[in-house]
Amino acid sequence: MPFSPITPATADTLWVLSDRVRFLGSMPGTDLTLLEVTVPPGSGTPPHTHPSAELFYIASGEVTFGDFTPGAPPAMTTVPAGSALSVPSMAPHNYRNSGAGDAVMLVLVDPTLVSFFRDFGRSAPPMTGEAPDFGAVMAAMGRHGIALVA
């Protein structure tokens, strides 16, 4: 059986708010999926938790991650290209691209986050200046066990 590469042209691609998410494939024998997430300058997530652990590899740019562990002050860590960061299940966290150009991350996730991205993602990029539908965001988060952290 020949191997079949997934290329940028053939990967399923969705936009989750302003981030482009490409589904690069699942690892045989596991329930893990590799995503490529392109994060434009200024984009990111609010502090949140979810059941899926995540492993991030920063392929280009740099991404700042926040650790919002209860009882401790928020801790921010900037992760440069070529570095990896893991986030455990239910750990309160966020990320943000505070650089001037796109950041690209490879992210290993389980089916709970894949289902969120497929449920909430859109097939077309957002229009310039388009405001997010926060009601739709919150509803999708609720359906997939994702909770905002106050």
N, C-alpha and C. Protein backbone atom coordinates (compact mmCIF):
# COMPACT_ATOMS: atom_id res chain seq x y z
N MET A 1 0.85 -1.18 0.00
CA MET A 1 0.00 0.00 0.00
C MET A 1 0.90 1.24 0.00
N PRO A 2 0.76 2.13 -0.96
CA PRO A 2 1.59 3.33 -0.99
C PRO A 2 1.15 4.33 0.10
N PHE A 3 2.12 5.08 0.57
CA PHE A 3 1.82 6.13 1.53
C PHE A 3 1.16 7.29 0.80
N SER A 4 0.25 7.98 1.49
CA SER A 4 -0.46 9.11 0.89
C SER A 4 -0.21 10.36 1.73
N PRO A 5 0.65 11.24 1.25
CA PRO A 5 0.92 12.45 2.03
C PRO A 5 -0.30 13.38 2.03
N ILE A 6 -0.43 14.10 3.12
CA ILE A 6 -1.44 15.17 3.21
C ILE A 6 -0.68 16.47 3.01
N THR A 7 -1.08 17.22 2.01
CA THR A 7 -0.39 18.47 1.67
C THR A 7 -1.29 19.65 2.03
N PRO A 8 -0.74 20.87 2.01
CA PRO A 8 -1.61 22.02 2.27
C PRO A 8 -2.82 22.07 1.33
N ALA A 9 -2.65 21.58 0.10
CA ALA A 9 -3.76 21.61 -0.86
C ALA A 9 -4.80 20.53 -0.58
N THR A 10 -4.41 19.43 0.07
CA THR A 10 -5.35 18.34 0.29
C THR A 10 -5.86 18.24 1.72
N ALA A 11 -5.25 18.96 2.65
CA ALA A 11 -5.67 18.89 4.05
C ALA A 11 -7.03 19.54 4.24
N ASP A 12 -7.88 18.91 5.06
CA ASP A 12 -9.11 19.60 5.49
C ASP A 12 -8.67 20.86 6.22
N THR A 13 -9.28 21.99 5.87
CA THR A 13 -8.90 23.26 6.46
C THR A 13 -10.14 23.99 6.92
N LEU A 14 -10.08 24.48 8.16
CA LEU A 14 -11.17 25.29 8.73
C LEU A 14 -10.58 26.52 9.41
N TRP A 15 -11.40 27.55 9.55
CA TRP A 15 -11.01 28.72 10.32
C TRP A 15 -11.81 28.70 11.61
N VAL A 16 -11.09 28.80 12.71
CA VAL A 16 -11.70 28.89 14.03
C VAL A 16 -11.40 30.32 14.48
N LEU A 17 -12.44 31.15 14.39
CA LEU A 17 -12.29 32.61 14.50
C LEU A 17 -11.26 33.02 13.45
N SER A 18 -10.11 33.61 13.83
CA SER A 18 -9.17 34.03 12.79
C SER A 18 -8.01 33.05 12.59
N ASP A 19 -7.97 31.97 13.37
CA ASP A 19 -6.90 30.97 13.22
C ASP A 19 -7.27 29.95 12.15
N ARG A 20 -6.30 29.65 11.28
CA ARG A 20 -6.51 28.61 10.27
C ARG A 20 -6.06 27.28 10.86
N VAL A 21 -6.93 26.27 10.81
CA VAL A 21 -6.64 24.95 11.34
C VAL A 21 -6.64 23.95 10.19
N ARG A 22 -5.48 23.31 9.97
CA ARG A 22 -5.38 22.26 8.96
C ARG A 22 -5.28 20.92 9.68
N PHE A 23 -6.06 19.96 9.23
CA PHE A 23 -6.07 18.62 9.81
C PHE A 23 -5.07 17.78 9.02
N LEU A 24 -3.93 17.47 9.65
CA LEU A 24 -2.84 16.81 8.95
C LEU A 24 -2.89 15.29 9.03
N GLY A 25 -3.78 14.76 9.84
CA GLY A 25 -3.94 13.32 9.89
C GLY A 25 -3.88 12.79 11.31
N SER A 26 -4.30 11.54 11.44
CA SER A 26 -4.30 10.86 12.73
C SER A 26 -3.17 9.84 12.76
N MET A 27 -2.67 9.60 13.97
CA MET A 27 -1.62 8.62 14.14
C MET A 27 -2.25 7.24 14.23
N PRO A 28 -1.88 6.34 13.33
CA PRO A 28 -2.47 4.99 13.36
C PRO A 28 -2.27 4.32 14.73
N GLY A 29 -3.32 3.65 15.18
CA GLY A 29 -3.26 2.94 16.45
C GLY A 29 -3.50 3.81 17.66
N THR A 30 -3.77 5.10 17.45
CA THR A 30 -4.06 6.01 18.56
C THR A 30 -5.30 6.82 18.20
N ASP A 31 -5.75 7.65 19.14
CA ASP A 31 -6.84 8.58 18.83
C ASP A 31 -6.31 10.00 18.67
N LEU A 32 -5.00 10.16 18.39
CA LEU A 32 -4.37 11.47 18.29
C LEU A 32 -4.39 11.99 16.87
N THR A 33 -4.62 13.29 16.74
CA THR A 33 -4.64 13.98 15.46
C THR A 33 -3.63 15.11 15.49
N LEU A 34 -2.92 15.28 14.38
CA LEU A 34 -1.96 16.38 14.24
C LEU A 34 -2.63 17.51 13.46
N LEU A 35 -2.59 18.70 14.06
CA LEU A 35 -3.15 19.90 13.44
C LEU A 35 -2.03 20.88 13.15
N GLU A 36 -2.19 21.65 12.09
CA GLU A 36 -1.35 22.82 11.86
C GLU A 36 -2.24 24.03 12.09
N VAL A 37 -1.86 24.87 13.04
CA VAL A 37 -2.66 26.06 13.38
C VAL A 37 -1.83 27.29 13.04
N THR A 38 -2.35 28.11 12.14
CA THR A 38 -1.71 29.38 11.79
C THR A 38 -2.44 30.47 12.56
N VAL A 39 -1.66 31.19 13.36
CA VAL A 39 -2.21 32.21 14.27
C VAL A 39 -1.75 33.58 13.78
N PRO A 40 -2.67 34.41 13.29
CA PRO A 40 -2.28 35.75 12.83
C PRO A 40 -1.84 36.63 14.01
N PRO A 41 -1.12 37.70 13.73
CA PRO A 41 -0.73 38.62 14.80
C PRO A 41 -1.96 39.09 15.59
N GLY A 42 -1.84 39.06 16.90
CA GLY A 42 -2.92 39.52 17.77
C GLY A 42 -3.96 38.46 18.07
N SER A 43 -3.95 37.36 17.37
CA SER A 43 -4.95 36.32 17.59
C SER A 43 -4.52 35.42 18.73
N GLY A 44 -5.50 34.72 19.27
CA GLY A 44 -5.24 33.78 20.35
C GLY A 44 -6.54 33.36 20.99
N THR A 45 -6.42 32.80 22.17
CA THR A 45 -7.59 32.30 22.88
C THR A 45 -7.71 32.98 24.24
N PRO A 46 -8.90 33.03 24.79
CA PRO A 46 -9.02 33.48 26.19
C PRO A 46 -8.59 32.33 27.10
N PRO A 47 -8.32 32.60 28.37
CA PRO A 47 -8.01 31.51 29.29
C PRO A 47 -9.18 30.52 29.35
N HIS A 48 -8.84 29.23 29.25
CA HIS A 48 -9.87 28.20 29.19
C HIS A 48 -9.31 26.86 29.66
N THR A 49 -10.21 25.90 29.85
CA THR A 49 -9.83 24.52 30.16
C THR A 49 -10.60 23.59 29.22
N HIS A 50 -10.07 22.39 29.04
CA HIS A 50 -10.77 21.35 28.29
C HIS A 50 -10.15 20.01 28.61
N PRO A 51 -10.90 18.93 28.35
CA PRO A 51 -10.40 17.59 28.70
C PRO A 51 -9.17 17.14 27.91
N SER A 52 -8.97 17.64 26.71
CA SER A 52 -7.86 17.20 25.88
C SER A 52 -6.54 17.81 26.35
N ALA A 53 -5.54 16.96 26.59
CA ALA A 53 -4.19 17.47 26.73
C ALA A 53 -3.73 17.92 25.34
N GLU A 54 -2.74 18.77 25.28
CA GLU A 54 -2.24 19.26 24.00
C GLU A 54 -0.72 19.28 24.01
N LEU A 55 -0.13 19.00 22.87
CA LEU A 55 1.30 19.16 22.68
C LEU A 55 1.48 20.13 21.53
N PHE A 56 2.11 21.28 21.80
CA PHE A 56 2.33 22.33 20.81
C PHE A 56 3.79 22.32 20.38
N TYR A 57 4.04 22.42 19.08
CA TYR A 57 5.38 22.65 18.54
C TYR A 57 5.28 23.92 17.72
N ILE A 58 6.10 24.91 18.06
CA ILE A 58 6.06 26.19 17.34
C ILE A 58 6.98 26.06 16.13
N ALA A 59 6.39 26.01 14.95
CA ALA A 59 7.14 25.83 13.71
C ALA A 59 7.73 27.14 13.20
N SER A 60 6.98 28.24 13.39
CA SER A 60 7.49 29.56 13.00
C SER A 60 6.84 30.62 13.86
N GLY A 61 7.53 31.74 13.99
CA GLY A 61 7.05 32.82 14.86
C GLY A 61 7.30 32.46 16.32
N GLU A 62 6.56 33.10 17.19
CA GLU A 62 6.60 32.76 18.60
C GLU A 62 5.22 32.97 19.18
N VAL A 63 4.90 32.17 20.18
CA VAL A 63 3.56 32.19 20.77
C VAL A 63 3.72 32.31 22.28
N THR A 64 2.93 33.20 22.89
CA THR A 64 2.95 33.36 24.34
C THR A 64 1.81 32.55 24.93
N PHE A 65 2.15 31.68 25.87
CA PHE A 65 1.17 30.84 26.56
C PHE A 65 1.00 31.35 27.98
N GLY A 66 -0.24 31.35 28.46
CA GLY A 66 -0.53 31.73 29.83
C GLY A 66 -0.93 30.51 30.64
N ASP A 67 -0.41 30.44 31.86
CA ASP A 67 -0.78 29.40 32.82
C ASP A 67 -1.61 30.08 33.90
N PHE A 68 -2.88 29.68 34.02
CA PHE A 68 -3.81 30.33 34.94
C PHE A 68 -4.21 29.39 36.08
N THR A 69 -3.22 28.69 36.63
CA THR A 69 -3.47 27.76 37.72
C THR A 69 -4.10 28.50 38.89
N PRO A 70 -5.24 28.00 39.42
CA PRO A 70 -5.88 28.67 40.55
C PRO A 70 -4.93 28.79 41.75
N GLY A 71 -5.01 29.94 42.43
CA GLY A 71 -4.19 30.18 43.61
C GLY A 71 -2.81 30.71 43.31
N ALA A 72 -2.46 30.83 42.05
CA ALA A 72 -1.16 31.37 41.67
C ALA A 72 -1.37 32.52 40.69
N PRO A 73 -0.44 33.47 40.67
CA PRO A 73 -0.59 34.54 39.67
C PRO A 73 -0.42 33.97 38.26
N PRO A 74 -1.08 34.56 37.27
CA PRO A 74 -0.90 34.08 35.90
C PRO A 74 0.59 34.12 35.52
N ALA A 75 1.04 33.07 34.86
CA ALA A 75 2.43 33.00 34.42
C ALA A 75 2.44 32.92 32.90
N MET A 76 3.15 33.85 32.28
CA MET A 76 3.22 33.90 30.82
C MET A 76 4.58 33.39 30.36
N THR A 77 4.57 32.54 29.33
CA THR A 77 5.80 31.96 28.79
C THR A 77 5.78 32.15 27.28
N THR A 78 6.79 32.81 26.74
CA THR A 78 6.90 32.97 25.30
C THR A 78 7.72 31.81 24.75
N VAL A 79 7.14 31.11 23.78
CA VAL A 79 7.75 29.91 23.22
C VAL A 79 8.21 30.24 21.80
N PRO A 80 9.53 30.19 21.54
CA PRO A 80 10.04 30.54 20.21
C PRO A 80 9.94 29.38 19.23
N ALA A 81 10.10 29.69 17.97
CA ALA A 81 10.11 28.66 16.92
C ALA A 81 11.15 27.60 17.24
N GLY A 82 10.79 26.35 16.94
CA GLY A 82 11.67 25.23 17.19
C GLY A 82 11.52 24.64 18.58
N SER A 83 10.57 25.16 19.36
CA SER A 83 10.36 24.70 20.73
C SER A 83 8.98 24.09 20.88
N ALA A 84 8.84 23.25 21.90
CA ALA A 84 7.56 22.58 22.17
C ALA A 84 7.10 22.89 23.58
N LEU A 85 5.80 22.77 23.80
CA LEU A 85 5.18 22.98 25.10
C LEU A 85 4.01 22.04 25.23
N SER A 86 3.89 21.37 26.36
CA SER A 86 2.73 20.51 26.57
C SER A 86 1.83 21.13 27.64
N VAL A 87 0.54 20.95 27.44
CA VAL A 87 -0.48 21.45 28.37
C VAL A 87 -1.30 20.24 28.80
N PRO A 88 -1.33 19.95 30.12
CA PRO A 88 -2.10 18.79 30.59
C PRO A 88 -3.60 18.99 30.46
N SER A 89 -4.32 17.90 30.51
CA SER A 89 -5.78 17.92 30.52
C SER A 89 -6.28 18.82 31.65
N MET A 90 -7.25 19.65 31.35
CA MET A 90 -7.94 20.54 32.28
C MET A 90 -7.06 21.64 32.87
N ALA A 91 -5.85 21.83 32.38
CA ALA A 91 -4.99 22.92 32.85
C ALA A 91 -5.52 24.24 32.28
N PRO A 92 -5.75 25.24 33.13
CA PRO A 92 -6.23 26.53 32.62
C PRO A 92 -5.11 27.25 31.87
N HIS A 93 -5.36 27.54 30.60
CA HIS A 93 -4.31 28.11 29.76
C HIS A 93 -4.90 28.97 28.64
N ASN A 94 -4.03 29.68 27.97
CA ASN A 94 -4.38 30.36 26.73
C ASN A 94 -3.14 30.49 25.88
N TYR A 95 -3.30 31.02 24.67
CA TYR A 95 -2.14 31.38 23.85
C TYR A 95 -2.48 32.64 23.08
N ARG A 96 -1.41 33.34 22.67
CA ARG A 96 -1.57 34.57 21.89
C ARG A 96 -0.32 34.77 21.04
N ASN A 97 -0.55 35.21 19.80
CA ASN A 97 0.55 35.62 18.95
C ASN A 97 0.70 37.13 19.09
N SER A 98 1.73 37.55 19.81
CA SER A 98 1.95 38.99 19.99
C SER A 98 3.02 39.51 19.04
N GLY A 99 3.44 38.67 18.09
CA GLY A 99 4.43 39.09 17.10
C GLY A 99 3.81 39.84 15.94
N ALA A 100 4.67 40.26 15.02
CA ALA A 100 4.23 41.06 13.87
C ALA A 100 3.78 40.20 12.69
N GLY A 101 4.15 38.92 12.67
CA GLY A 101 3.78 38.04 11.56
C GLY A 101 3.05 36.81 12.07
N ASP A 102 2.57 36.01 11.14
CA ASP A 102 1.88 34.77 11.52
C ASP A 102 2.80 33.87 12.33
N ALA A 103 2.22 33.14 13.25
CA ALA A 103 2.89 32.06 13.96
C ALA A 103 2.23 30.76 13.48
N VAL A 104 3.04 29.72 13.32
CA VAL A 104 2.51 28.43 12.90
C VAL A 104 2.87 27.40 13.97
N MET A 105 1.84 26.69 14.44
CA MET A 105 2.03 25.66 15.46
C MET A 105 1.56 24.32 14.92
N LEU A 106 2.28 23.26 15.26
CA LEU A 106 1.79 21.91 15.08
C LEU A 106 1.26 21.48 16.43
N VAL A 107 0.03 20.98 16.46
CA VAL A 107 -0.62 20.67 17.73
C VAL A 107 -1.17 19.25 17.68
N LEU A 108 -0.80 18.46 18.67
CA LEU A 108 -1.28 17.08 18.78
C LEU A 108 -2.41 17.08 19.80
N VAL A 109 -3.61 16.61 19.36
CA VAL A 109 -4.80 16.65 20.21
C VAL A 109 -5.57 15.34 20.11
N ASP A 110 -6.51 15.16 21.04
CA ASP A 110 -7.38 13.99 20.99
C ASP A 110 -8.72 14.36 20.37
N PRO A 111 -9.65 13.41 20.24
CA PRO A 111 -10.91 13.66 19.53
C PRO A 111 -11.78 14.76 20.11
N THR A 112 -11.65 15.09 21.40
CA THR A 112 -12.53 16.12 21.96
C THR A 112 -12.27 17.48 21.32
N LEU A 113 -11.01 17.82 21.07
CA LEU A 113 -10.73 19.10 20.41
C LEU A 113 -10.97 19.02 18.91
N VAL A 114 -10.68 17.89 18.30
CA VAL A 114 -10.98 17.74 16.88
C VAL A 114 -12.47 17.97 16.64
N SER A 115 -13.32 17.40 17.50
CA SER A 115 -14.76 17.57 17.31
C SER A 115 -15.18 19.02 17.51
N PHE A 116 -14.55 19.75 18.44
CA PHE A 116 -14.85 21.17 18.61
C PHE A 116 -14.50 21.94 17.34
N PHE A 117 -13.28 21.73 16.83
CA PHE A 117 -12.86 22.47 15.63
C PHE A 117 -13.77 22.15 14.44
N ARG A 118 -14.13 20.90 14.28
CA ARG A 118 -15.00 20.53 13.15
C ARG A 118 -16.42 21.07 13.32
N ASP A 119 -16.89 21.16 14.56
CA ASP A 119 -18.22 21.69 14.85
C ASP A 119 -18.26 23.21 14.64
N PHE A 120 -17.29 23.90 15.18
CA PHE A 120 -17.33 25.37 15.20
C PHE A 120 -16.61 26.01 14.00
N GLY A 121 -15.62 25.32 13.43
CA GLY A 121 -14.84 25.91 12.35
C GLY A 121 -15.67 26.21 11.11
N ARG A 122 -15.18 27.18 10.36
CA ARG A 122 -15.84 27.58 9.11
C ARG A 122 -14.91 27.29 7.94
N SER A 123 -15.50 27.04 6.79
CA SER A 123 -14.70 26.69 5.62
C SER A 123 -14.06 27.90 4.95
N ALA A 124 -14.50 29.10 5.29
CA ALA A 124 -13.94 30.32 4.70
C ALA A 124 -13.33 31.18 5.80
N PRO A 125 -12.26 31.90 5.47
CA PRO A 125 -11.67 32.78 6.48
C PRO A 125 -12.63 33.91 6.82
N PRO A 126 -12.49 34.48 8.03
CA PRO A 126 -13.37 35.59 8.39
C PRO A 126 -13.08 36.81 7.53
N MET A 127 -14.10 37.61 7.34
CA MET A 127 -13.94 38.87 6.61
C MET A 127 -13.15 39.84 7.49
N THR A 128 -12.37 40.71 6.87
CA THR A 128 -11.63 41.71 7.62
C THR A 128 -12.60 42.53 8.46
N GLY A 129 -12.30 42.65 9.74
CA GLY A 129 -13.13 43.43 10.65
C GLY A 129 -14.37 42.72 11.14
N GLU A 130 -14.59 41.47 10.72
CA GLU A 130 -15.79 40.72 11.13
C GLU A 130 -15.69 40.39 12.62
N ALA A 131 -16.72 40.76 13.37
CA ALA A 131 -16.75 40.47 14.81
C ALA A 131 -17.19 39.03 15.03
N PRO A 132 -16.56 38.35 16.00
CA PRO A 132 -16.97 36.97 16.28
C PRO A 132 -18.38 36.92 16.87
N ASP A 133 -19.06 35.84 16.61
CA ASP A 133 -20.38 35.59 17.21
C ASP A 133 -20.13 34.89 18.54
N PHE A 134 -20.05 35.68 19.61
CA PHE A 134 -19.68 35.12 20.91
C PHE A 134 -20.71 34.12 21.43
N GLY A 135 -21.97 34.28 21.07
CA GLY A 135 -22.98 33.31 21.46
C GLY A 135 -22.69 31.95 20.84
N ALA A 136 -22.33 31.95 19.56
CA ALA A 136 -22.00 30.70 18.88
C ALA A 136 -20.72 30.08 19.45
N VAL A 137 -19.74 30.94 19.79
CA VAL A 137 -18.50 30.45 20.40
C VAL A 137 -18.81 29.75 21.72
N MET A 138 -19.57 30.41 22.58
CA MET A 138 -19.88 29.85 23.89
C MET A 138 -20.71 28.56 23.77
N ALA A 139 -21.63 28.52 22.83
CA ALA A 139 -22.45 27.32 22.65
C ALA A 139 -21.58 26.14 22.20
N ALA A 140 -20.67 26.38 21.25
CA ALA A 140 -19.79 25.30 20.79
C ALA A 140 -18.86 24.85 21.90
N MET A 141 -18.34 25.80 22.66
CA MET A 141 -17.47 25.42 23.79
C MET A 141 -18.24 24.53 24.77
N GLY A 142 -19.47 24.90 25.08
CA GLY A 142 -20.29 24.10 26.01
C GLY A 142 -20.54 22.69 25.50
N ARG A 143 -20.74 22.55 24.20
CA ARG A 143 -21.00 21.23 23.62
C ARG A 143 -19.78 20.31 23.71
N HIS A 144 -18.58 20.90 23.87
CA HIS A 144 -17.35 20.09 23.81
C HIS A 144 -16.52 20.16 25.08
N GLY A 145 -17.14 20.57 26.18
CA GLY A 145 -16.45 20.53 27.47
C GLY A 145 -15.36 21.56 27.66
N ILE A 146 -15.44 22.66 26.91
CA ILE A 146 -14.45 23.73 27.03
C ILE A 146 -15.07 24.83 27.89
N ALA A 147 -14.35 25.27 28.91
CA ALA A 147 -14.89 26.27 29.84
C ALA A 147 -13.92 27.45 29.92
N LEU A 148 -14.47 28.66 29.94
CA LEU A 148 -13.65 29.86 30.15
C LEU A 148 -13.19 29.89 31.59
N VAL A 149 -12.02 30.48 31.81
CA VAL A 149 -11.48 30.66 33.15
C VAL A 149 -11.61 32.14 33.48
N ALA A 150 -12.21 32.43 34.62
CA ALA A 150 -12.42 33.85 35.01
C ALA A 150 -11.15 34.47 35.51
